[in-house]
Amino acid sequence: MNEEYSKIIVNRILSLCKSRRITINTLANMSGVSQSTLDNLINGRTFNPRTKTLHKIALAFSMTLSEFLDFKELNDYCFDDNSDDDF
């Protein structure tokens, strides 16, 4: 996952926290994802959260992972065709 893609995910998390009036600390408690993991993601020290981490975050928002990932900015994102991340 590149930095731009990661920022889109971070913005999704922050937007959902804001709309639900919860802090990142509260999200950590609700999701079971450590505060340090969320802080690293939010502050750009981690660019590639595991699917398991995103799944836990989605569940904390009472969403499926599909629902969590289904939003305009992410759907509009275009991956570079020459990406080294393909497997």
C-alpha atoms as a PDB file:
ATOM      1  CA  MET A   1       0.000   0.000   0.000  1.00  0.00           C
ATOM      2  CA  ASN A   2       1.461   3.351  -0.879  1.00  0.00           C
ATOM      3  CA  GLU A   3       1.359   6.558   1.108  1.00  0.00           C
ATOM      4  CA  GLU A   4      -1.536   8.130  -0.840  1.00  0.00           C
ATOM      5  CA  TYR A   5      -3.677   5.006  -0.498  1.00  0.00           C
ATOM      6  CA  SER A   6      -2.871   4.846   3.200  1.00  0.00           C
ATOM      7  CA  LYS A   7      -3.967   8.472   3.648  1.00  0.00           C
ATOM      8  CA  ILE A   8      -7.315   7.604   2.083  1.00  0.00           C
ATOM      9  CA  ILE A   9      -7.779   4.820   4.667  1.00  0.00           C
ATOM     10  CA  VAL A  10      -6.686   7.139   7.495  1.00  0.00           C
ATOM     11  CA  ASN A  11      -9.133   9.810   6.358  1.00  0.00           C
ATOM     12  CA  ARG A  12     -11.892   7.181   6.336  1.00  0.00           C
ATOM     13  CA  ILE A  13     -11.073   6.206   9.928  1.00  0.00           C
ATOM     14  CA  LEU A  14     -10.906   9.829  11.085  1.00  0.00           C
ATOM     15  CA  SER A  15     -14.156  10.686   9.309  1.00  0.00           C
ATOM     16  CA  LEU A  16     -15.977   7.754  10.899  1.00  0.00           C
ATOM     17  CA  CYS A  17     -14.579   8.665  14.327  1.00  0.00           C
ATOM     18  CA  LYS A  18     -15.720  12.255  13.883  1.00  0.00           C
ATOM     19  CA  SER A  19     -19.209  11.314  12.698  1.00  0.00           C
ATOM     20  CA  ARG A  20     -19.598   8.919  15.631  1.00  0.00           C
ATOM     21  CA  ARG A  21     -17.954  11.318  18.085  1.00  0.00           C
ATOM     22  CA  ILE A  22     -15.320   8.856  19.248  1.00  0.00           C
ATOM     23  CA  THR A  23     -11.607   9.335  19.788  1.00  0.00           C
ATOM     24  CA  ILE A  24      -8.817   7.184  18.417  1.00  0.00           C
ATOM     25  CA  ASN A  25      -8.303   5.938  21.971  1.00  0.00           C
ATOM     26  CA  THR A  26     -11.948   4.885  22.136  1.00  0.00           C
ATOM     27  CA  LEU A  27     -11.608   3.209  18.736  1.00  0.00           C
ATOM     28  CA  ALA A  28      -8.597   1.289  20.046  1.00  0.00           C
ATOM     29  CA  ASN A  29     -10.640   0.047  22.999  1.00  0.00           C
ATOM     30  CA  MET A  30     -13.662  -0.808  20.844  1.00  0.00           C
ATOM     31  CA  SER A  31     -11.662  -2.588  18.146  1.00  0.00           C
ATOM     32  CA  GLY A  32      -9.000  -4.372  20.142  1.00  0.00           C
ATOM     33  CA  VAL A  33      -6.366  -2.730  17.922  1.00  0.00           C
ATOM     34  CA  SER A  34      -3.593  -1.266  20.043  1.00  0.00           C
ATOM     35  CA  GLN A  35      -3.394   2.478  20.506  1.00  0.00           C
ATOM     36  CA  SER A  36       0.168   2.421  19.141  1.00  0.00           C
ATOM     37  CA  THR A  37      -0.920   0.610  15.963  1.00  0.00           C
ATOM     38  CA  LEU A  38      -3.661   3.174  15.341  1.00  0.00           C
ATOM     39  CA  ASP A  39      -1.308   6.067  16.175  1.00  0.00           C
ATOM     40  CA  ASN A  40       1.305   4.714  13.742  1.00  0.00           C
ATOM     41  CA  LEU A  41      -1.302   4.464  11.009  1.00  0.00           C
ATOM     42  CA  ILE A  42      -2.854   7.876  11.694  1.00  0.00           C
ATOM     43  CA  ASN A  43       0.545   9.593  11.929  1.00  0.00           C
ATOM     44  CA  GLY A  44       1.927   8.042   8.736  1.00  0.00           C
ATOM     45  CA  ARG A  45       4.487   5.753  10.321  1.00  0.00           C
ATOM     46  CA  THR A  46       2.667   2.681   8.976  1.00  0.00           C
ATOM     47  CA  PHE A  47       1.377   2.530   5.413  1.00  0.00           C
ATOM     48  CA  ASN A  48       0.215  -1.046   5.167  1.00  0.00           C
ATOM     49  CA  PRO A  49      -2.256  -2.149   7.843  1.00  0.00           C
ATOM     50  CA  ARG A  50      -3.136  -5.823   7.826  1.00  0.00           C
ATOM     51  CA  THR A  51      -6.540  -6.922   6.646  1.00  0.00           C
ATOM     52  CA  LYS A  52      -7.144  -8.264  10.158  1.00  0.00           C
ATOM     53  CA  THR A  53      -6.525  -4.773  11.584  1.00  0.00           C
ATOM     54  CA  LEU A  54      -8.908  -3.140   9.102  1.00  0.00           C
ATOM     55  CA  HIS A  55     -11.488  -5.840   9.843  1.00  0.00           C
ATOM     56  CA  LYS A  56     -11.308  -5.130  13.583  1.00  0.00           C
ATOM     57  CA  ILE A  57     -11.651  -1.398  12.933  1.00  0.00           C
ATOM     58  CA  ALA A  58     -14.652  -1.996  10.669  1.00  0.00           C
ATOM     59  CA  LEU A  59     -16.343  -4.146  13.311  1.00  0.00           C
ATOM     60  CA  ALA A  60     -15.810  -1.404  15.900  1.00  0.00           C
ATOM     61  CA  PHE A  61     -17.807   0.879  13.589  1.00  0.00           C
ATOM     62  CA  SER A  62     -20.494  -1.849  13.285  1.00  0.00           C
ATOM     63  CA  MET A  63     -19.567  -2.342   9.655  1.00  0.00           C
ATOM     64  CA  THR A  64     -18.384  -5.224   7.560  1.00  0.00           C
ATOM     65  CA  LEU A  65     -14.943  -4.855   6.017  1.00  0.00           C
ATOM     66  CA  SER A  66     -16.678  -4.441   2.650  1.00  0.00           C
ATOM     67  CA  GLU A  67     -18.794  -1.581   3.983  1.00  0.00           C
ATOM     68  CA  PHE A  68     -15.751   0.046   5.562  1.00  0.00           C
ATOM     69  CA  LEU A  69     -13.843  -0.066   2.268  1.00  0.00           C
ATOM     70  CA  ASP A  70     -16.782   0.988   0.087  1.00  0.00           C
ATOM     71  CA  PHE A  71     -16.529   4.776  -0.171  1.00  0.00           C
ATOM     72  CA  LYS A  72     -15.974   7.221  -3.009  1.00  0.00           C
ATOM     73  CA  GLU A  73     -12.344   8.215  -2.410  1.00  0.00           C
ATOM     74  CA  LEU A  74     -11.186   4.628  -2.259  1.00  0.00           C
ATOM     75  CA  ASN A  75     -13.383   3.498  -5.148  1.00  0.00           C
ATOM     76  CA  ASP A  76     -11.979   6.326  -7.274  1.00  0.00           C
ATOM     77  CA  TYR A  77      -8.352   5.518  -6.406  1.00  0.00           C
ATOM     78  CA  CYS A  78      -6.268   4.315  -9.344  1.00  0.00           C
ATOM     79  CA  PHE A  79      -3.349   1.998  -8.697  1.00  0.00           C
ATOM     80  CA  ASP A  80      -0.208   2.455 -10.742  1.00  0.00           C
ATOM     81  CA  ASP A  81      -0.091  -0.356 -13.307  1.00  0.00           C
ATOM     82  CA  ASN A  82       3.637  -0.724 -12.693  1.00  0.00           C
ATOM     83  CA  SER A  83       3.203  -1.336  -8.984  1.00  0.00           C
ATOM     84  CA  ASP A  84       5.656  -3.648  -7.255  1.00  0.00           C
ATOM     85  CA  ASP A  85       2.954  -4.571  -4.740  1.00  0.00           C
ATOM     86  CA  ASP A  86       1.187  -7.070  -7.005  1.00  0.00           C
ATOM     87  CA  PHE A  87       1.245 -10.716  -5.960  1.00  0.00           C
END
